[in-house]
Amino acid sequence: NWLKTPQRFMVKIDTLKPDRPDPSTSIKGLEYVDVPASGKASYQLKFRAHREGTTSMKITFRNPETKESMVYTLSVKSSAADSIETIRLCTPVRQGLPHLLVVRNPLDCPVVFSTAISCNEISLPQQFTVPGKSDGECTLQYLPLKVGRSAAKLTFSSHDLGSYVYELEME
């Protein structure tokens, strides 16, 4: 602020890409920012994406009294998440071991997850639904047929929320 008096800027955030609002992405910031006389101010923008993609936005700071404005264009690329957790499963041969996984759905609408596993000693439903704004449960069953150690990757995939990946270590 180059003026000798403090200024208040109204903040407007417009999403440029994707064309339609994505419910799995949220962008939040304060509606106003106050800048001291002959000073500077920081503006904190909170961005959260639940799936891969690129989001571009235009952020406009406008003083309603003087009509001054500054415009910034920001592009954020969200990459695939790393593994959420490593799950260790240990049981004697031919004795089943259930393991319950809880999956959170932050969206308002129900989300269908499909499952994929790279191990034939694990059984679980092919898909399950988690109601909006709640936690869902999926139980997997580990039934080893021979002695030894192995590893696998478990993935829950949803069009709305992307992929949730778990590493499994079995013994």
C-alpha atoms as a PDB file:
ATOM      1  CA  ASN A   1       0.000   0.000   0.000  1.00  0.00           C
ATOM      2  CA  TRP A   2       1.680   3.195  -1.155  1.00  0.00           C
ATOM      3  CA  LEU A   3      -0.940   5.448   0.488  1.00  0.00           C
ATOM      4  CA  LYS A   4      -0.423   7.100   3.872  1.00  0.00           C
ATOM      5  CA  THR A   5      -3.753   5.629   5.040  1.00  0.00           C
ATOM      6  CA  PRO A   6      -4.769   1.988   5.540  1.00  0.00           C
ATOM      7  CA  GLN A   7      -6.736   0.309   2.752  1.00  0.00           C
ATOM      8  CA  ARG A   8      -9.249  -2.531   2.762  1.00  0.00           C
ATOM      9  CA  PHE A   9      -9.385  -4.735  -0.314  1.00  0.00           C
ATOM     10  CA  MET A  10     -12.348  -6.940  -1.137  1.00  0.00           C
ATOM     11  CA  VAL A  11     -11.190 -10.360  -2.392  1.00  0.00           C
ATOM     12  CA  LYS A  12     -12.936 -12.263  -5.177  1.00  0.00           C
ATOM     13  CA  ILE A  13     -11.830 -15.740  -6.263  1.00  0.00           C
ATOM     14  CA  ASP A  14     -13.000 -16.974  -9.673  1.00  0.00           C
ATOM     15  CA  THR A  15     -12.252 -20.499 -10.882  1.00  0.00           C
ATOM     16  CA  LEU A  16     -11.092 -20.481 -14.511  1.00  0.00           C
ATOM     17  CA  LYS A  17     -10.373 -24.189 -14.934  1.00  0.00           C
ATOM     18  CA  PRO A  18     -12.134 -26.586 -14.754  1.00  0.00           C
ATOM     19  CA  ASP A  19     -15.131 -24.945 -16.463  1.00  0.00           C
ATOM     20  CA  ARG A  20     -17.629 -26.454 -14.023  1.00  0.00           C
ATOM     21  CA  PRO A  21     -17.164 -26.417 -10.234  1.00  0.00           C
ATOM     22  CA  ASP A  22     -15.552 -29.606  -8.945  1.00  0.00           C
ATOM     23  CA  PRO A  23     -17.120 -30.656  -5.621  1.00  0.00           C
ATOM     24  CA  SER A  24     -13.940 -32.542  -4.682  1.00  0.00           C
ATOM     25  CA  THR A  25     -11.891 -29.323  -4.746  1.00  0.00           C
ATOM     26  CA  SER A  26     -12.210 -26.446  -2.302  1.00  0.00           C
ATOM     27  CA  ILE A  27     -10.658 -22.972  -2.430  1.00  0.00           C
ATOM     28  CA  LYS A  28     -11.089 -20.734   0.596  1.00  0.00           C
ATOM     29  CA  GLY A  29      -9.820 -17.376   1.718  1.00  0.00           C
ATOM     30  CA  LEU A  30     -10.960 -14.320   3.633  1.00  0.00           C
ATOM     31  CA  GLU A  31     -13.401 -11.936   1.926  1.00  0.00           C
ATOM     32  CA  TYR A  32     -11.313  -8.870   2.835  1.00  0.00           C
ATOM     33  CA  VAL A  33      -7.674  -8.044   3.466  1.00  0.00           C
ATOM     34  CA  ASP A  34      -6.571  -4.946   5.379  1.00  0.00           C
ATOM     35  CA  VAL A  35      -3.268  -3.337   4.359  1.00  0.00           C
ATOM     36  CA  PRO A  36      -1.626  -0.835   6.740  1.00  0.00           C
ATOM     37  CA  ALA A  37      -0.549   2.609   5.548  1.00  0.00           C
ATOM     38  CA  SER A  38       2.655   2.423   3.490  1.00  0.00           C
ATOM     39  CA  GLY A  39       2.764  -1.308   4.245  1.00  0.00           C
ATOM     40  CA  LYS A  40       2.259  -4.818   2.979  1.00  0.00           C
ATOM     41  CA  ALA A  41      -0.100  -7.644   3.882  1.00  0.00           C
ATOM     42  CA  SER A  42      -0.104 -11.378   3.224  1.00  0.00           C
ATOM     43  CA  TYR A  43      -3.168 -13.218   1.998  1.00  0.00           C
ATOM     44  CA  GLN A  44      -3.658 -16.867   2.890  1.00  0.00           C
ATOM     45  CA  LEU A  45      -5.478 -19.028   0.367  1.00  0.00           C
ATOM     46  CA  LYS A  46      -6.480 -22.567   1.360  1.00  0.00           C
ATOM     47  CA  PHE A  47      -6.662 -25.106  -1.454  1.00  0.00           C
ATOM     48  CA  ARG A  48      -7.692 -28.747  -1.104  1.00  0.00           C
ATOM     49  CA  ALA A  49      -8.124 -31.328  -3.867  1.00  0.00           C
ATOM     50  CA  HIS A  50      -9.222 -34.923  -3.388  1.00  0.00           C
ATOM     51  CA  ARG A  51      -8.222 -36.082  -6.853  1.00  0.00           C
ATOM     52  CA  GLU A  52      -5.663 -35.370  -9.557  1.00  0.00           C
ATOM     53  CA  GLY A  53      -6.083 -32.390 -11.857  1.00  0.00           C
ATOM     54  CA  THR A  54      -5.229 -28.784 -12.563  1.00  0.00           C
ATOM     55  CA  THR A  55      -7.190 -25.875 -11.136  1.00  0.00           C
ATOM     56  CA  SER A  56      -6.672 -22.340 -12.401  1.00  0.00           C
ATOM     57  CA  MET A  57      -8.130 -19.325 -10.642  1.00  0.00           C
ATOM     58  CA  LYS A  58      -8.196 -15.565 -10.820  1.00  0.00           C
ATOM     59  CA  ILE A  59      -7.881 -13.687  -7.520  1.00  0.00           C
ATOM     60  CA  THR A  60      -8.955 -10.050  -7.577  1.00  0.00           C
ATOM     61  CA  PHE A  61      -8.185  -7.589  -4.774  1.00  0.00           C
ATOM     62  CA  ARG A  62     -10.375  -4.491  -5.146  1.00  0.00           C
ATOM     63  CA  ASN A  63     -10.689  -1.378  -2.995  1.00  0.00           C
ATOM     64  CA  PRO A  64     -14.398  -0.452  -3.209  1.00  0.00           C
ATOM     65  CA  GLU A  65     -13.696   3.182  -2.266  1.00  0.00           C
ATOM     66  CA  THR A  66     -10.867   4.018  -4.682  1.00  0.00           C
ATOM     67  CA  LYS A  67     -11.818   1.361  -7.305  1.00  0.00           C
ATOM     68  CA  GLU A  68      -8.145   0.261  -7.381  1.00  0.00           C
ATOM     69  CA  SER A  69      -7.620  -3.405  -8.091  1.00  0.00           C
ATOM     70  CA  MET A  70      -4.902  -6.012  -8.473  1.00  0.00           C
ATOM     71  CA  VAL A  71      -5.435  -9.301 -10.270  1.00  0.00           C
ATOM     72  CA  TYR A  72      -3.420 -12.497  -9.836  1.00  0.00           C
ATOM     73  CA  THR A  73      -3.785 -15.695 -11.833  1.00  0.00           C
ATOM     74  CA  LEU A  74      -2.867 -18.884 -10.031  1.00  0.00           C
ATOM     75  CA  SER A  75      -2.664 -22.443 -11.331  1.00  0.00           C
ATOM     76  CA  VAL A  76      -2.397 -25.434  -8.992  1.00  0.00           C
ATOM     77  CA  LYS A  77      -1.592 -28.964 -10.156  1.00  0.00           C
ATOM     78  CA  SER A  78      -2.746 -31.759  -7.850  1.00  0.00           C
ATOM     79  CA  SER A  79      -0.940 -35.068  -8.201  1.00  0.00           C
ATOM     80  CA  ALA A  80      -1.940 -38.535  -7.061  1.00  0.00           C
ATOM     81  CA  ALA A  81      -1.670 -39.096  -3.336  1.00  0.00           C
ATOM     82  CA  ASP A  82       0.908 -41.421  -1.853  1.00  0.00           C
ATOM     83  CA  SER A  83      -0.129 -44.540   0.008  1.00  0.00           C
ATOM     84  CA  ILE A  84      -2.385 -43.632   2.934  1.00  0.00           C
ATOM     85  CA  GLU A  85      -1.190 -46.383   5.240  1.00  0.00           C
ATOM     86  CA  THR A  86       0.733 -49.645   5.401  1.00  0.00           C
ATOM     87  CA  ILE A  87      -1.444 -52.389   6.872  1.00  0.00           C
ATOM     88  CA  ARG A  88       0.241 -55.426   8.390  1.00  0.00           C
ATOM     89  CA  LEU A  89      -1.727 -58.671   8.399  1.00  0.00           C
ATOM     90  CA  CYS A  90      -0.455 -61.779  10.185  1.00  0.00           C
ATOM     91  CA  THR A  91      -2.337 -65.047  10.664  1.00  0.00           C
ATOM     92  CA  PRO A  92      -1.633 -68.801  10.484  1.00  0.00           C
ATOM     93  CA  VAL A  93      -2.152 -70.578   7.168  1.00  0.00           C
ATOM     94  CA  ARG A  94      -5.813 -71.266   6.314  1.00  0.00           C
ATOM     95  CA  GLN A  95      -7.117 -69.089   9.152  1.00  0.00           C
ATOM     96  CA  GLY A  96      -8.977 -66.040   7.931  1.00  0.00           C
ATOM     97  CA  LEU A  97      -8.180 -62.614   9.342  1.00  0.00           C
ATOM     98  CA  PRO A  98     -10.692 -59.790   8.819  1.00  0.00           C
ATOM     99  CA  HIS A  99      -9.520 -56.181   8.726  1.00  0.00           C
ATOM    100  CA  LEU A 100     -11.862 -53.193   8.772  1.00  0.00           C
ATOM    101  CA  LEU A 101     -10.980 -50.060   6.784  1.00  0.00           C
ATOM    102  CA  VAL A 102     -12.831 -46.776   7.294  1.00  0.00           C
ATOM    103  CA  VAL A 103     -13.137 -44.429   4.313  1.00  0.00           C
ATOM    104  CA  ARG A 104     -14.268 -40.800   4.702  1.00  0.00           C
ATOM    105  CA  ASN A 105     -16.547 -39.091   2.173  1.00  0.00           C
ATOM    106  CA  PRO A 106     -16.276 -35.284   2.579  1.00  0.00           C
ATOM    107  CA  LEU A 107     -18.806 -34.585  -0.197  1.00  0.00           C
ATOM    108  CA  ASP A 108     -22.523 -33.930   0.292  1.00  0.00           C
ATOM    109  CA  CYS A 109     -23.560 -36.742  -2.081  1.00  0.00           C
ATOM    110  CA  PRO A 110     -22.991 -40.510  -1.825  1.00  0.00           C
ATOM    111  CA  VAL A 111     -19.803 -41.827  -3.439  1.00  0.00           C
ATOM    112  CA  VAL A 112     -19.291 -45.298  -4.932  1.00  0.00           C
ATOM    113  CA  PHE A 113     -15.817 -46.784  -4.527  1.00  0.00           C
ATOM    114  CA  SER A 114     -14.593 -49.698  -6.623  1.00  0.00           C
ATOM    115  CA  THR A 115     -11.849 -51.895  -5.200  1.00  0.00           C
ATOM    116  CA  ALA A 116      -8.718 -53.383  -6.739  1.00  0.00           C
ATOM    117  CA  ILE A 117      -6.230 -55.686  -5.036  1.00  0.00           C
ATOM    118  CA  SER A 118      -3.051 -57.304  -6.370  1.00  0.00           C
ATOM    119  CA  CYS A 119      -3.306 -60.444  -4.208  1.00  0.00           C
ATOM    120  CA  ASN A 120      -5.568 -63.508  -4.498  1.00  0.00           C
ATOM    121  CA  GLU A 121      -5.337 -64.252  -0.758  1.00  0.00           C
ATOM    122  CA  ILE A 122      -7.388 -61.123   0.003  1.00  0.00           C
ATOM    123  CA  SER A 123     -11.128 -61.010  -0.565  1.00  0.00           C
ATOM    124  CA  LEU A 124     -13.266 -57.883  -0.365  1.00  0.00           C
ATOM    125  CA  PRO A 125     -16.369 -56.444  -2.067  1.00  0.00           C
ATOM    126  CA  GLN A 126     -15.908 -55.216  -5.656  1.00  0.00           C
ATOM    127  CA  GLN A 127     -17.523 -51.927  -4.702  1.00  0.00           C
ATOM    128  CA  PHE A 128     -19.150 -50.131  -1.780  1.00  0.00           C
ATOM    129  CA  THR A 129     -21.013 -46.859  -1.253  1.00  0.00           C
ATOM    130  CA  VAL A 130     -20.257 -44.208   1.352  1.00  0.00           C
ATOM    131  CA  PRO A 131     -23.084 -41.752   2.137  1.00  0.00           C
ATOM    132  CA  GLY A 132     -22.400 -38.021   1.923  1.00  0.00           C
ATOM    133  CA  LYS A 133     -20.481 -36.345   4.767  1.00  0.00           C
ATOM    134  CA  SER A 134     -19.863 -39.631   6.566  1.00  0.00           C
ATOM    135  CA  ASP A 135     -17.525 -42.561   7.053  1.00  0.00           C
ATOM    136  CA  GLY A 136     -17.974 -45.863   5.243  1.00  0.00           C
ATOM    137  CA  GLU A 137     -16.565 -49.247   6.118  1.00  0.00           C
ATOM    138  CA  CYS A 138     -15.027 -51.952   3.971  1.00  0.00           C
ATOM    139  CA  THR A 139     -13.913 -55.259   5.456  1.00  0.00           C
ATOM    140  CA  LEU A 140     -11.198 -57.241   3.741  1.00  0.00           C
ATOM    141  CA  GLN A 141     -10.467 -60.881   4.549  1.00  0.00           C
ATOM    142  CA  TYR A 142      -6.913 -62.243   4.465  1.00  0.00           C
ATOM    143  CA  LEU A 143      -6.744 -66.039   4.031  1.00  0.00           C
ATOM    144  CA  PRO A 144      -3.178 -67.258   3.384  1.00  0.00           C
ATOM    145  CA  LEU A 145      -2.882 -70.611   1.619  1.00  0.00           C
ATOM    146  CA  LYS A 146       0.868 -71.092   2.153  1.00  0.00           C
ATOM    147  CA  VAL A 147       3.539 -69.989   4.633  1.00  0.00           C
ATOM    148  CA  GLY A 148       5.538 -66.902   3.691  1.00  0.00           C
ATOM    149  CA  ARG A 149       5.586 -63.157   3.380  1.00  0.00           C
ATOM    150  CA  SER A 150       4.031 -61.120   0.608  1.00  0.00           C
ATOM    151  CA  ALA A 151       3.048 -57.576  -0.220  1.00  0.00           C
ATOM    152  CA  ALA A 152       0.140 -56.119  -2.142  1.00  0.00           C
ATOM    153  CA  LYS A 153      -1.445 -52.829  -3.077  1.00  0.00           C
ATOM    154  CA  LEU A 154      -5.117 -52.118  -2.310  1.00  0.00           C
ATOM    155  CA  THR A 155      -6.851 -49.292  -4.166  1.00  0.00           C
ATOM    156  CA  PHE A 156     -10.285 -47.765  -3.598  1.00  0.00           C
ATOM    157  CA  SER A 157     -11.235 -45.685  -6.657  1.00  0.00           C
ATOM    158  CA  SER A 158     -14.019 -43.188  -7.109  1.00  0.00           C
ATOM    159  CA  HIS A 159     -14.765 -40.833  -9.987  1.00  0.00           C
ATOM    160  CA  ASP A 160     -15.608 -38.094  -7.472  1.00  0.00           C
ATOM    161  CA  LEU A 161     -12.729 -38.503  -5.008  1.00  0.00           C
ATOM    162  CA  GLY A 162      -9.937 -40.194  -6.945  1.00  0.00           C
ATOM    163  CA  SER A 163      -7.905 -43.083  -5.521  1.00  0.00           C
ATOM    164  CA  TYR A 164      -7.182 -44.117  -1.960  1.00  0.00           C
ATOM    165  CA  VAL A 165      -4.141 -46.443  -1.926  1.00  0.00           C
ATOM    166  CA  TYR A 166      -3.043 -48.757   0.890  1.00  0.00           C
ATOM    167  CA  GLU A 167       0.055 -50.962   1.066  1.00  0.00           C
ATOM    168  CA  LEU A 168      -0.467 -54.429   2.558  1.00  0.00           C
ATOM    169  CA  GLU A 169       2.260 -56.496   4.180  1.00  0.00           C
ATOM    170  CA  MET A 170       1.153 -60.059   4.841  1.00  0.00           C
ATOM    171  CA  GLU A 171       2.654 -62.917   6.776  1.00  0.00           C
END
